[in-house]
Each structure stands twice: as structure tokens, then as C-alpha cells.
PDB file of N, CA and C in Angstrom:
ATOM      1  N   MET A   1     -30.769 -25.335 -55.761  1.00  0.00           N
ATOM      2  CA  MET A   1     -30.693 -23.977 -55.249  1.00  0.00           C
ATOM      3  C   MET A   1     -31.890 -23.208 -55.817  1.00  0.00           C
ATOM      4  N   ASN A   2     -32.629 -22.528 -54.934  1.00  0.00           N
ATOM      5  CA  ASN A   2     -33.794 -21.777 -55.394  1.00  0.00           C
ATOM      6  C   ASN A   2     -33.377 -20.385 -55.859  1.00  0.00           C
ATOM      7  N   ALA A   3     -34.347 -19.659 -56.419  1.00  0.00           N
ATOM      8  CA  ALA A   3     -34.064 -18.351 -57.033  1.00  0.00           C
ATOM      9  C   ALA A   3     -33.633 -17.318 -55.989  1.00  0.00           C
ATOM     10  N   ALA A   4     -34.237 -17.352 -54.804  1.00  0.00           N
ATOM     11  CA  ALA A   4     -33.887 -16.378 -53.765  1.00  0.00           C
ATOM     12  C   ALA A   4     -32.454 -16.593 -53.282  1.00  0.00           C
ATOM     13  N   GLU A   5     -32.074 -17.862 -53.125  1.00  0.00           N
ATOM     14  CA  GLU A   5     -30.705 -18.153 -52.690  1.00  0.00           C
ATOM     15  C   GLU A   5     -29.699 -17.761 -53.771  1.00  0.00           C
ATOM     16  N   GLU A   6     -30.042 -18.010 -55.025  1.00  0.00           N
ATOM     17  CA  GLU A   6     -29.153 -17.633 -56.130  1.00  0.00           C
ATOM     18  C   GLU A   6     -29.016 -16.113 -56.226  1.00  0.00           C
ATOM     19  N   ALA A   7     -30.114 -15.395 -56.022  1.00  0.00           N
ATOM     20  CA  ALA A   7     -30.056 -13.927 -56.065  1.00  0.00           C
ATOM     21  C   ALA A   7     -29.179 -13.392 -54.931  1.00  0.00           C
ATOM     22  N   ALA A   8     -29.301 -13.991 -53.747  1.00  0.00           N
ATOM     23  CA  ALA A   8     -28.469 -13.558 -52.617  1.00  0.00           C
ATOM     24  C   ALA A   8     -26.996 -13.841 -52.887  1.00  0.00           C
ATOM     25  N   LEU A   9     -26.716 -14.991 -53.502  1.00  0.00           N
ATOM     26  CA  LEU A   9     -25.330 -15.314 -53.837  1.00  0.00           C
ATOM     27  C   LEU A   9     -24.776 -14.359 -54.902  1.00  0.00           C
ATOM     28  N   ARG A  10     -25.612 -13.971 -55.865  1.00  0.00           N
ATOM     29  CA  ARG A  10     -25.155 -13.030 -56.896  1.00  0.00           C
ATOM     30  C   ARG A  10     -24.851 -11.647 -56.286  1.00  0.00           C
ATOM     31  N   VAL A  11     -25.673 -11.221 -55.341  1.00  0.00           N
ATOM     32  CA  VAL A  11     -25.408  -9.948 -54.667  1.00  0.00           C
ATOM     33  C   VAL A  11     -24.097 -10.043 -53.884  1.00  0.00           C
ATOM     34  N   GLU A  12     -23.911 -11.149 -53.165  1.00  0.00           N
ATOM     35  CA  GLU A  12     -22.671 -11.344 -52.425  1.00  0.00           C
ATOM     36  C   GLU A  12     -21.472 -11.411 -53.377  1.00  0.00           C
ATOM     37  N   HIS A  13     -21.688 -12.064 -54.533  1.00  0.00           N
ATOM     38  CA  HIS A  13     -20.609 -12.161 -55.526  1.00  0.00           C
ATOM     39  C   HIS A  13     -20.196 -10.775 -56.013  1.00  0.00           C
ATOM     40  N   GLU A  14     -21.170  -9.933 -56.318  1.00  0.00           N
ATOM     41  CA  GLU A  14     -20.848  -8.588 -56.805  1.00  0.00           C
ATOM     42  C   GLU A  14     -20.122  -7.764 -55.741  1.00  0.00           C
ATOM     43  N   GLU A  15     -20.556  -7.899 -54.503  1.00  0.00           N
ATOM     44  CA  GLU A  15     -19.909  -7.171 -53.413  1.00  0.00           C
ATOM     45  C   GLU A  15     -18.463  -7.646 -53.222  1.00  0.00           C
ATOM     46  N   LEU A  16     -18.271  -8.958 -53.205  1.00  0.00           N
ATOM     47  CA  LEU A  16     -16.922  -9.505 -53.037  1.00  0.00           C
ATOM     48  C   LEU A  16     -16.030  -9.172 -54.233  1.00  0.00           C
ATOM     49  N   ALA A  17     -16.583  -9.234 -55.430  1.00  0.00           N
ATOM     50  CA  ALA A  17     -15.790  -8.928 -56.623  1.00  0.00           C
ATOM     51  C   ALA A  17     -15.325  -7.474 -56.597  1.00  0.00           C
ATOM     52  N   GLY A  18     -16.170  -6.576 -56.109  1.00  0.00           N
ATOM     53  CA  GLY A  18     -15.767  -5.175 -55.989  1.00  0.00           C
ATOM     54  C   GLY A  18     -14.670  -4.982 -54.955  1.00  0.00           C
ATOM     55  N   ARG A  19     -14.736  -5.753 -53.871  1.00  0.00           N
ATOM     56  CA  ARG A  19     -13.736  -5.620 -52.808  1.00  0.00           C
ATOM     57  C   ARG A  19     -12.375  -6.181 -53.199  1.00  0.00           C
ATOM     58  N   VAL A  20     -12.361  -7.300 -53.943  1.00  0.00           N
ATOM     59  CA  VAL A  20     -11.085  -7.930 -54.278  1.00  0.00           C
ATOM     60  C   VAL A  20     -10.541  -7.466 -55.632  1.00  0.00           C
ATOM     61  N   ALA A  21     -11.199  -6.517 -56.258  1.00  0.00           N
ATOM     62  CA  ALA A  21     -10.718  -6.030 -57.553  1.00  0.00           C
ATOM     63  C   ALA A  21      -9.343  -5.385 -57.435  1.00  0.00           C
ATOM     64  N   THR A  22      -9.100  -4.690 -56.337  1.00  0.00           N
ATOM     65  CA  THR A  22      -7.774  -4.101 -56.102  1.00  0.00           C
ATOM     66  C   THR A  22      -7.285  -4.547 -54.733  1.00  0.00           C
ATOM     67  N   ARG A  23      -5.990  -4.758 -54.641  1.00  0.00           N
ATOM     68  CA  ARG A  23      -5.370  -5.157 -53.370  1.00  0.00           C
ATOM     69  C   ARG A  23      -4.765  -3.918 -52.730  1.00  0.00           C
ATOM     70  N   HIS A  24      -5.477  -3.372 -51.765  1.00  0.00           N
ATOM     71  CA  HIS A  24      -5.022  -2.158 -51.083  1.00  0.00           C
ATOM     72  C   HIS A  24      -3.828  -2.419 -50.170  1.00  0.00           C
ATOM     73  N   SER A  25      -3.587  -3.670 -49.836  1.00  0.00           N
ATOM     74  CA  SER A  25      -2.444  -3.984 -48.980  1.00  0.00           C
ATOM     75  C   SER A  25      -1.122  -3.663 -49.676  1.00  0.00           C
ATOM     76  N   ILE A  26      -1.123  -3.665 -50.997  1.00  0.00           N
ATOM     77  CA  ILE A  26       0.100  -3.357 -51.747  1.00  0.00           C
ATOM     78  C   ILE A  26       0.545  -1.921 -51.474  1.00  0.00           C
ATOM     79  N   ASP A  27      -0.416  -1.016 -51.297  1.00  0.00           N
ATOM     80  CA  ASP A  27      -0.059   0.369 -50.983  1.00  0.00           C
ATOM     81  C   ASP A  27       0.689   0.464 -49.655  1.00  0.00           C
ATOM     82  N   ASP A  28       0.250  -0.310 -48.665  1.00  0.00           N
ATOM     83  CA  ASP A  28       0.939  -0.308 -47.375  1.00  0.00           C
ATOM     84  C   ASP A  28       2.320  -0.942 -47.476  1.00  0.00           C
ATOM     85  N   VAL A  29       2.457  -1.975 -48.303  1.00  0.00           N
ATOM     86  CA  VAL A  29       3.772  -2.589 -48.507  1.00  0.00           C
ATOM     87  C   VAL A  29       4.715  -1.568 -49.153  1.00  0.00           C
ATOM     88  N   ARG A  30       4.194  -0.811 -50.119  1.00  0.00           N
ATOM     89  CA  ARG A  30       5.013   0.214 -50.769  1.00  0.00           C
ATOM     90  C   ARG A  30       5.451   1.277 -49.761  1.00  0.00           C
ATOM     91  N   ARG A  31       4.531   1.730 -48.930  1.00  0.00           N
ATOM     92  CA  ARG A  31       4.893   2.718 -47.896  1.00  0.00           C
ATOM     93  C   ARG A  31       5.953   2.158 -46.943  1.00  0.00           C
ATOM     94  N   GLY A  32       5.804   0.903 -46.557  1.00  0.00           N
ATOM     95  CA  GLY A  32       6.781   0.272 -45.686  1.00  0.00           C
ATOM     96  C   GLY A  32       8.145   0.144 -46.353  1.00  0.00           C
ATOM     97  N   ALA A  33       8.146  -0.150 -47.642  1.00  0.00           N
ATOM     98  CA  ALA A  33       9.423  -0.266 -48.361  1.00  0.00           C
ATOM     99  C   ALA A  33      10.115   1.089 -48.456  1.00  0.00           C
ATOM    100  N   TYR A  34       9.352   2.138 -48.731  1.00  0.00           N
ATOM    101  CA  TYR A  34       9.950   3.480 -48.789  1.00  0.00           C
ATOM    102  C   TYR A  34      10.501   3.887 -47.422  1.00  0.00           C
ATOM    103  N   ALA A  35       9.738   3.604 -46.378  1.00  0.00           N
ATOM    104  CA  ALA A  35      10.200   3.941 -45.031  1.00  0.00           C
ATOM    105  C   ALA A  35      11.433   3.126 -44.661  1.00  0.00           C
ATOM    106  N   SER A  36      11.485   1.868 -45.089  1.00  0.00           N
ATOM    107  CA  SER A  36      12.656   1.034 -44.802  1.00  0.00           C
ATOM    108  C   SER A  36      13.888   1.548 -45.523  1.00  0.00           C
ATOM    109  N   PHE A  37      13.729   1.969 -46.773  1.00  0.00           N
ATOM    110  CA  PHE A  37      14.862   2.529 -47.508  1.00  0.00           C
ATOM    111  C   PHE A  37      15.367   3.798 -46.824  1.00  0.00           C
ATOM    112  N   ALA A  38      14.448   4.683 -46.458  1.00  0.00           N
ATOM    113  CA  ALA A  38      14.846   5.906 -45.764  1.00  0.00           C
ATOM    114  C   ALA A  38      15.474   5.588 -44.408  1.00  0.00           C
ATOM    115  N   LEU A  39      14.992   4.543 -43.742  1.00  0.00           N
ATOM    116  CA  LEU A  39      15.571   4.102 -42.479  1.00  0.00           C
ATOM    117  C   LEU A  39      17.029   3.691 -42.666  1.00  0.00           C
ATOM    118  N   ILE A  40      17.315   2.950 -43.708  1.00  0.00           N
ATOM    119  CA  ILE A  40      18.694   2.532 -43.963  1.00  0.00           C
ATOM    120  C   ILE A  40      19.586   3.750 -44.189  1.00  0.00           C
ATOM    121  N   MET A  41      19.075   4.722 -44.947  1.00  0.00           N
ATOM    122  CA  MET A  41      19.870   5.925 -45.214  1.00  0.00           C
ATOM    123  C   MET A  41      20.131   6.727 -43.927  1.00  0.00           C
ATOM    124  N   THR A  42      19.111   6.928 -43.123  1.00  0.00           N
ATOM    125  CA  THR A  42      19.292   7.720 -41.903  1.00  0.00           C
ATOM    126  C   THR A  42      20.096   6.966 -40.846  1.00  0.00           C
ATOM    127  N   ALA A  43      19.986   5.648 -40.822  1.00  0.00           N
ATOM    128  CA  ALA A  43      20.817   4.868 -39.903  1.00  0.00           C
ATOM    129  C   ALA A  43      22.286   5.000 -40.300  1.00  0.00           C
ATOM    130  N   GLY A  44      22.548   4.987 -41.594  1.00  0.00           N
ATOM    131  CA  GLY A  44      23.915   5.202 -42.065  1.00  0.00           C
ATOM    132  C   GLY A  44      24.436   6.580 -41.689  1.00  0.00           C
ATOM    133  N   LEU A  45      23.561   7.586 -41.811  1.00  0.00           N
ATOM    134  CA  LEU A  45      23.954   8.935 -41.389  1.00  0.00           C
ATOM    135  C   LEU A  45      24.243   8.984 -39.890  1.00  0.00           C
ATOM    136  N   SER A  46      23.427   8.303 -39.116  1.00  0.00           N
ATOM    137  CA  SER A  46      23.650   8.271 -37.666  1.00  0.00           C
ATOM    138  C   SER A  46      25.011   7.679 -37.347  1.00  0.00           C
ATOM    139  N   VAL A  47      25.348   6.582 -38.005  1.00  0.00           N
ATOM    140  CA  VAL A  47      26.644   5.947 -37.778  1.00  0.00           C
ATOM    141  C   VAL A  47      27.771   6.883 -38.203  1.00  0.00           C
ATOM    142  N   LYS A  48      27.604   7.556 -39.332  1.00  0.00           N
ATOM    143  CA  LYS A  48      28.631   8.479 -39.816  1.00  0.00           C
ATOM    144  C   LYS A  48      28.831   9.631 -38.848  1.00  0.00           C
ATOM    145  N   PHE A  49      27.748  10.222 -38.367  1.00  0.00           N
ATOM    146  CA  PHE A  49      27.854  11.329 -37.415  1.00  0.00           C
ATOM    147  C   PHE A  49      28.474  10.869 -36.098  1.00  0.00           C
ATOM    148  N   ALA A  50      28.112   9.674 -35.643  1.00  0.00           N
ATOM    149  CA  ALA A  50      28.705   9.138 -34.412  1.00  0.00           C
ATOM    150  C   ALA A  50      30.193   8.887 -34.617  1.00  0.00           C
ATOM    151  N   TRP A  51      30.562   8.359 -35.755  1.00  0.00           N
ATOM    152  CA  TRP A  51      31.973   8.100 -36.034  1.00  0.00           C
ATOM    153  C   TRP A  51      32.771   9.404 -36.078  1.00  0.00           C
ATOM    154  N   ASP A  52      32.182  10.407 -36.727  1.00  0.00           N
ATOM    155  CA  ASP A  52      32.871  11.700 -36.802  1.00  0.00           C
ATOM    156  C   ASP A  52      33.092  12.295 -35.408  1.00  0.00           C
ATOM    157  N   ARG A  53      32.190  12.036 -34.507  1.00  0.00           N
ATOM    158  CA  ARG A  53      32.300  12.635 -33.176  1.00  0.00           C
ATOM    159  C   ARG A  53      33.155  11.807 -32.226  1.00  0.00           C
ATOM    160  N   TRP A  54      32.951  10.469 -32.236  1.00  0.00           N
ATOM    161  CA  TRP A  54      33.604   9.638 -31.228  1.00  0.00           C
ATOM    162  C   TRP A  54      34.557   8.591 -31.805  1.00  0.00           C
ATOM    163  N   GLY A  55      34.701   8.517 -33.115  1.00  0.00           N
ATOM    164  CA  GLY A  55      35.509   7.458 -33.728  1.00  0.00           C
ATOM    165  C   GLY A  55      37.005   7.661 -33.539  1.00  0.00           C
ATOM    166  N   TRP A  56      37.770   6.670 -34.018  1.00  0.00           N
ATOM    167  CA  TRP A  56      39.223   6.734 -33.911  1.00  0.00           C
ATOM    168  C   TRP A  56      39.768   7.708 -34.940  1.00  0.00           C
ATOM    169  N   GLY A  57      41.008   8.017 -34.820  1.00  0.00           N
ATOM    170  CA  GLY A  57      41.676   8.842 -35.824  1.00  0.00           C
ATOM    171  C   GLY A  57      41.977  10.230 -35.301  1.00  0.00           C
ATOM    172  N   LEU A  58      42.368  11.069 -36.226  1.00  0.00           N
ATOM    173  CA  LEU A  58      42.753  12.432 -35.884  1.00  0.00           C
ATOM    174  C   LEU A  58      41.552  13.250 -35.443  1.00  0.00           C
ATOM    175  N   ARG A  59      41.776  14.098 -34.481  1.00  0.00           N
ATOM    176  CA  ARG A  59      40.725  15.004 -34.014  1.00  0.00           C
ATOM    177  C   ARG A  59      40.867  16.320 -34.759  1.00  0.00           C
ATOM    178  N   SER A  60      39.758  16.940 -35.042  1.00  0.00           N
ATOM    179  CA  SER A  60      39.824  18.232 -35.719  1.00  0.00           C
ATOM    180  C   SER A  60      40.345  19.297 -34.752  1.00  0.00           C
ATOM    181  N   ALA A  61      40.912  20.335 -35.320  1.00  0.00           N
ATOM    182  CA  ALA A  61      41.455  21.413 -34.486  1.00  0.00           C
ATOM    183  C   ALA A  61      40.328  22.181 -33.812  1.00  0.00           C
ATOM    184  N   LYS A  62      39.199  22.261 -34.495  1.00  0.00           N
ATOM    185  CA  LYS A  62      38.044  22.971 -33.938  1.00  0.00           C
ATOM    186  C   LYS A  62      37.280  22.021 -33.010  1.00  0.00           C
ATOM    187  N   PRO A  63      37.083  22.400 -31.760  1.00  0.00           N
ATOM    188  CA  PRO A  63      36.369  21.490 -30.850  1.00  0.00           C
ATOM    189  C   PRO A  63      34.898  21.363 -31.257  1.00  0.00           C
ATOM    190  N   MET A  64      34.378  20.169 -31.013  1.00  0.00           N
ATOM    191  CA  MET A  64      32.974  19.909 -31.318  1.00  0.00           C
ATOM    192  C   MET A  64      32.082  20.690 -30.352  1.00  0.00           C
ATOM    193  N   GLY A  65      30.839  20.859 -30.745  1.00  0.00           N
ATOM    194  CA  GLY A  65      29.879  21.513 -29.861  1.00  0.00           C
ATOM    195  C   GLY A  65      29.606  20.647 -28.642  1.00  0.00           C
ATOM    196  N   ARG A  66      28.848  21.187 -27.735  1.00  0.00           N
ATOM    197  CA  ARG A  66      28.585  20.476 -26.485  1.00  0.00           C
ATOM    198  C   ARG A  66      27.682  19.263 -26.705  1.00  0.00           C
ATOM    199  N   TYR A  67      26.671  19.407 -27.543  1.00  0.00           N
ATOM    200  CA  TYR A  67      25.709  18.321 -27.770  1.00  0.00           C
ATOM    201  C   TYR A  67      25.843  17.799 -29.199  1.00  0.00           C
ATOM    202  N   PRO A  68      25.712  16.488 -29.387  1.00  0.00           N
ATOM    203  CA  PRO A  68      25.811  15.913 -30.736  1.00  0.00           C
ATOM    204  C   PRO A  68      24.472  16.034 -31.480  1.00  0.00           C
ATOM    205  N   LEU A  69      24.114  17.228 -31.895  1.00  0.00           N
ATOM    206  CA  LEU A  69      22.793  17.487 -32.466  1.00  0.00           C
ATOM    207  C   LEU A  69      22.549  16.746 -33.776  1.00  0.00           C
ATOM    208  N   LEU A  70      23.538  16.697 -34.666  1.00  0.00           N
ATOM    209  CA  LEU A  70      23.342  15.984 -35.928  1.00  0.00           C
ATOM    210  C   LEU A  70      23.103  14.502 -35.685  1.00  0.00           C
ATOM    211  N   PHE A  71      23.892  13.925 -34.805  1.00  0.00           N
ATOM    212  CA  PHE A  71      23.713  12.513 -34.477  1.00  0.00           C
ATOM    213  C   PHE A  71      22.335  12.255 -33.877  1.00  0.00           C
ATOM    214  N   LEU A  72      21.954  13.085 -32.913  1.00  0.00           N
ATOM    215  CA  LEU A  72      20.652  12.886 -32.253  1.00  0.00           C
ATOM    216  C   LEU A  72      19.495  13.099 -33.231  1.00  0.00           C
ATOM    217  N   GLY A  73      19.627  14.062 -34.116  1.00  0.00           N
ATOM    218  CA  GLY A  73      18.575  14.285 -35.114  1.00  0.00           C
ATOM    219  C   GLY A  73      18.433  13.108 -36.061  1.00  0.00           C
ATOM    220  N   ALA A  74      19.565  12.608 -36.566  1.00  0.00           N
ATOM    221  CA  ALA A  74      19.524  11.452 -37.470  1.00  0.00           C
ATOM    222  C   ALA A  74      19.023  10.207 -36.748  1.00  0.00           C
ATOM    223  N   LEU A  75      19.417  10.038 -35.498  1.00  0.00           N
ATOM    224  CA  LEU A  75      18.954   8.890 -34.718  1.00  0.00           C
ATOM    225  C   LEU A  75      17.441   8.971 -34.478  1.00  0.00           C
ATOM    226  N   GLY A  76      16.964  10.155 -34.128  1.00  0.00           N
ATOM    227  CA  GLY A  76      15.521  10.325 -33.926  1.00  0.00           C
ATOM    228  C   GLY A  76      14.730  10.054 -35.193  1.00  0.00           C
ATOM    229  N   LEU A  77      15.229  10.534 -36.328  1.00  0.00           N
ATOM    230  CA  LEU A  77      14.564  10.278 -37.609  1.00  0.00           C
ATOM    231  C   LEU A  77      14.595   8.793 -37.947  1.00  0.00           C
ATOM    232  N   SER A  78      15.697   8.121 -37.632  1.00  0.00           N
ATOM    233  CA  SER A  78      15.783   6.678 -37.869  1.00  0.00           C
ATOM    234  C   SER A  78      14.745   5.925 -37.043  1.00  0.00           C
ATOM    235  N   LEU A  79      14.593   6.305 -35.800  1.00  0.00           N
ATOM    236  CA  LEU A  79      13.606   5.641 -34.945  1.00  0.00           C
ATOM    237  C   LEU A  79      12.187   5.878 -35.440  1.00  0.00           C
ATOM    238  N   LEU A  80      11.902   7.092 -35.874  1.00  0.00           N
ATOM    239  CA  LEU A  80      10.577   7.400 -36.423  1.00  0.00           C
ATOM    240  C   LEU A  80      10.310   6.581 -37.683  1.00  0.00           C
ATOM    241  N   LEU A  81      11.289   6.496 -38.559  1.00  0.00           N
ATOM    242  CA  LEU A  81      11.115   5.723 -39.787  1.00  0.00           C
ATOM    243  C   LEU A  81      10.970   4.229 -39.503  1.00  0.00           C
ATOM    244  N   ALA A  82      11.662   3.724 -38.490  1.00  0.00           N
ATOM    245  CA  ALA A  82      11.498   2.321 -38.109  1.00  0.00           C
ATOM    246  C   ALA A  82      10.078   2.064 -37.629  1.00  0.00           C
ATOM    247  N   PHE A  83       9.550   2.968 -36.823  1.00  0.00           N
ATOM    248  CA  PHE A  83       8.165   2.831 -36.360  1.00  0.00           C
ATOM    249  C   PHE A  83       7.196   2.857 -37.541  1.00  0.00           C
ATOM    250  N   LEU A  84       7.381   3.795 -38.475  1.00  0.00           N
ATOM    251  CA  LEU A  84       6.493   3.895 -39.635  1.00  0.00           C
ATOM    252  C   LEU A  84       6.560   2.652 -40.513  1.00  0.00           C
ATOM    253  N   ALA A  85       7.762   2.107 -40.714  1.00  0.00           N
ATOM    254  CA  ALA A  85       7.910   0.912 -41.549  1.00  0.00           C
ATOM    255  C   ALA A  85       7.210  -0.285 -40.909  1.00  0.00           C
ATOM    256  N   VAL A  86       7.430  -0.478 -39.621  1.00  0.00           N
ATOM    257  CA  VAL A  86       6.794  -1.611 -38.931  1.00  0.00           C
ATOM    258  C   VAL A  86       5.275  -1.459 -38.951  1.00  0.00           C
ATOM    259  N   ALA A  87       4.787  -0.259 -38.717  1.00  0.00           N
ATOM    260  CA  ALA A  87       3.334  -0.031 -38.728  1.00  0.00           C
ATOM    261  C   ALA A  87       2.750  -0.299 -40.113  1.00  0.00           C
ATOM    262  N   ALA A  88       3.440   0.140 -41.169  1.00  0.00           N
ATOM    263  CA  ALA A  88       2.935  -0.080 -42.531  1.00  0.00           C
ATOM    264  C   ALA A  88       2.917  -1.564 -42.870  1.00  0.00           C
ATOM    265  N   PHE A  89       3.959  -2.297 -42.499  1.00  0.00           N
ATOM    266  CA  PHE A  89       3.991  -3.733 -42.795  1.00  0.00           C
ATOM    267  C   PHE A  89       2.955  -4.504 -41.983  1.00  0.00           C
ATOM    268  N   ARG A  90       2.716  -4.099 -40.747  1.00  0.00           N
ATOM    269  CA  ARG A  90       1.676  -4.764 -39.947  1.00  0.00           C
ATOM    270  C   ARG A  90       0.291  -4.497 -40.519  1.00  0.00           C
ATOM    271  N   ARG A  91       0.050  -3.249 -40.937  1.00  0.00           N
ATOM    272  CA  ARG A  91      -1.222  -2.892 -41.564  1.00  0.00           C
ATOM    273  C   ARG A  91      -1.419  -3.680 -42.860  1.00  0.00           C
ATOM    274  N   ALA A  92      -0.358  -3.824 -43.639  1.00  0.00           N
ATOM    275  CA  ALA A  92      -0.434  -4.575 -44.893  1.00  0.00           C
ATOM    276  C   ALA A  92      -0.742  -6.044 -44.620  1.00  0.00           C
ATOM    277  N   ARG A  93      -0.136  -6.603 -43.600  1.00  0.00           N
ATOM    278  CA  ARG A  93      -0.374  -8.016 -43.284  1.00  0.00           C
ATOM    279  C   ARG A  93      -1.825  -8.261 -42.882  1.00  0.00           C
ATOM    280  N   ARG A  94      -2.378  -7.358 -42.072  1.00  0.00           N
ATOM    281  CA  ARG A  94      -3.794  -7.489 -41.691  1.00  0.00           C
ATOM    282  C   ARG A  94      -4.697  -7.375 -42.912  1.00  0.00           C
ATOM    283  N   ALA A  95      -4.394  -6.421 -43.787  1.00  0.00           N
ATOM    284  CA  ALA A  95      -5.214  -6.243 -44.992  1.00  0.00           C
ATOM    285  C   ALA A  95      -5.096  -7.452 -45.910  1.00  0.00           C
ATOM    286  N   MET A  96      -3.904  -8.042 -45.996  1.00  0.00           N
ATOM    287  CA  MET A  96      -3.722  -9.232 -46.845  1.00  0.00           C
ATOM    288  C   MET A  96      -4.557 -10.399 -46.345  1.00  0.00           C
ATOM    289  N   LYS A  97      -4.621 -10.560 -45.034  1.00  0.00           N
ATOM    290  CA  LYS A  97      -5.441 -11.645 -44.481  1.00  0.00           C
ATOM    291  C   LYS A  97      -6.907 -11.448 -44.864  1.00  0.00           C
ATOM    292  N   ASP A  98      -7.405 -10.217 -44.748  1.00  0.00           N
ATOM    293  CA  ASP A  98      -8.790  -9.935 -45.121  1.00  0.00           C
ATOM    294  C   ASP A  98      -9.015 -10.153 -46.615  1.00  0.00           C
ATOM    295  N   GLU A  99      -8.071  -9.701 -47.434  1.00  0.00           N
ATOM    296  CA  GLU A  99      -8.208  -9.879 -48.880  1.00  0.00           C
ATOM    297  C   GLU A  99      -8.176 -11.351 -49.263  1.00  0.00           C
ATOM    298  N   ASP A 100      -7.321 -12.131 -48.627  1.00  0.00           N
ATOM    299  CA  ASP A 100      -7.270 -13.568 -48.909  1.00  0.00           C
ATOM    300  C   ASP A 100      -8.567 -14.256 -48.497  1.00  0.00           C
ATOM    301  N   ARG A 101      -9.108 -13.848 -47.348  1.00  0.00           N
ATOM    302  CA  ARG A 101     -10.384 -14.425 -46.899  1.00  0.00           C
ATOM    303  C   ARG A 101     -11.508 -14.092 -47.876  1.00  0.00           C
ATOM    304  N   ASP A 102     -11.567 -12.827 -48.327  1.00  0.00           N
ATOM    305  CA  ASP A 102     -12.597 -12.426 -49.279  1.00  0.00           C
ATOM    306  C   ASP A 102     -12.432 -13.142 -50.619  1.00  0.00           C
ATOM    307  N   PHE A 103     -11.206 -13.332 -51.070  1.00  0.00           N
ATOM    308  CA  PHE A 103     -10.970 -14.018 -52.332  1.00  0.00           C
ATOM    309  C   PHE A 103     -11.384 -15.486 -52.243  1.00  0.00           C
ATOM    310  N   GLY A 104     -11.083 -16.117 -51.108  1.00  0.00           N
ATOM    311  CA  GLY A 104     -11.509 -17.507 -50.920  1.00  0.00           C
ATOM    312  C   GLY A 104     -13.022 -17.627 -50.940  1.00  0.00           C
ATOM    313  N   ARG A 105     -13.696 -16.707 -50.273  1.00  0.00           N
ATOM    314  CA  ARG A 105     -15.170 -16.724 -50.275  1.00  0.00           C
ATOM    315  C   ARG A 105     -15.703 -16.458 -51.678  1.00  0.00           C
ATOM    316  N   LEU A 106     -15.063 -15.561 -52.435  1.00  0.00           N
ATOM    317  CA  LEU A 106     -15.500 -15.288 -53.809  1.00  0.00           C
ATOM    318  C   LEU A 106     -15.388 -16.541 -54.665  1.00  0.00           C
ATOM    319  N   ARG A 107     -14.311 -17.283 -54.528  1.00  0.00           N
ATOM    320  CA  ARG A 107     -14.148 -18.520 -55.296  1.00  0.00           C
ATOM    321  C   ARG A 107     -15.230 -19.539 -54.928  1.00  0.00           C
ATOM    322  N   GLU A 108     -15.540 -19.592 -53.634  1.00  0.00           N
ATOM    323  CA  GLU A 108     -16.584 -20.514 -53.187  1.00  0.00           C
ATOM    324  C   GLU A 108     -17.948 -20.128 -53.767  1.00  0.00           C
ATOM    325  N   VAL A 109     -18.261 -18.838 -53.749  1.00  0.00           N
ATOM    326  CA  VAL A 109     -19.546 -18.364 -54.293  1.00  0.00           C
ATOM    327  C   VAL A 109     -19.603 -18.618 -55.798  1.00  0.00           C
ATOM    328  N   ARG A 110     -18.503 -18.383 -56.494  1.00  0.00           N
ATOM    329  CA  ARG A 110     -18.476 -18.617 -57.937  1.00  0.00           C
ATOM    330  C   ARG A 110     -18.704 -20.094 -58.260  1.00  0.00           C
ATOM    331  N   GLN A 111     -18.150 -20.977 -57.463  1.00  0.00           N
ATOM    332  CA  GLN A 111     -18.382 -22.410 -57.708  1.00  0.00           C
ATOM    333  C   GLN A 111     -19.822 -22.778 -57.430  1.00  0.00           C
ATOM    334  N   ARG A 112     -20.395 -22.235 -56.383  1.00  0.00           N
ATOM    335  CA  ARG A 112     -21.800 -22.537 -56.066  1.00  0.00           C
ATOM    336  C   ARG A 112     -22.738 -22.013 -57.132  1.00  0.00           C
ATOM    337  N   LEU A 113     -22.389 -20.867 -57.739  1.00  0.00           N
ATOM    338  CA  LEU A 113     -23.215 -20.313 -58.821  1.00  0.00           C
ATOM    339  C   LEU A 113     -22.952 -20.988 -60.160  1.00  0.00           C
ATOM    340  N   GLY A 114     -21.931 -21.814 -60.249  1.00  0.00           N
ATOM    341  CA  GLY A 114     -21.606 -22.507 -61.497  1.00  0.00           C
ATOM    342  C   GLY A 114     -20.814 -21.654 -62.471  1.00  0.00           C
ATOM    343  N   MET A 115     -20.199 -20.589 -61.992  1.00  0.00           N
ATOM    344  CA  MET A 115     -19.402 -19.733 -62.876  1.00  0.00           C
ATOM    345  C   MET A 115     -18.054 -20.358 -63.183  1.00  0.00           C
ATOM    346  N   ASP A 116     -17.477 -21.052 -62.208  1.00  0.00           N
ATOM    347  CA  ASP A 116     -16.206 -21.752 -62.394  1.00  0.00           C
ATOM    348  C   ASP A 116     -16.506 -23.240 -62.409  1.00  0.00           C
ATOM    349  N   THR A 117     -16.121 -23.886 -63.452  1.00  0.00           N
ATOM    350  CA  THR A 117     -16.391 -25.335 -63.513  1.00  0.00           C
ATOM    351  C   THR A 117     -15.113 -26.127 -63.475  1.00  0.00           C
TER     352      THR A 117
END
């Protein structure tokens, strides 16, 4: 390996090392996990509100309103959180593929430079 090729590999090594120093995909996984937890909570609320309105058992003396606003609000929030969770996990998966590719290339460059024996 000549000096110019080694210098180019060292520049590539520094660039790759800077990119793989932190895994940004973990941030997206965390966002997806938070959205999934909130999704479970709001889905439970949706079921509770639906049960209160249409479930079996005694009916309250006070008639319900015309529209099931609490149920629809909780359902809408659940759908939004499901979309956010799926989007965050898909974004994380794409970032993980890029990070894995960069890490593999970094290992290859390190072996070619003789840093890893």
C-alpha cells in the first residue's frame, strides 16, 4: 500500500469513526417505545370509554350525550400514537442498517491499515 492510499484510508477511517461513535438509531427506538407505551394507555382508555357507553350492566340515570366525544378523542389519539410509533421504529431500522454498514466498513479499513490484528 502506498502513502497516498494509506492517507486516503486514514481520512476515511476518521470520517467513519466520527459517524459510528454514537448510534442515533437508539433515539428513534426510544421515541417509538414512549409512543408505544402511550398507545397502550390511550387504547385502554378507548376501551374503557366504549364500555362505559355501550357495555353491559346498569345504565346511568343521566342519559349520555349524543356523540361519544371521550371515546372518539381517545381513539383518535391512539391512532396518532400508533402512527408515530411505527414511523419511529421504521426510521430506527433504516438508521441501524446504515450504522451497521458504516461499522463494517470501519472494521475493514482498520484491518487494511493494520490497526486491528
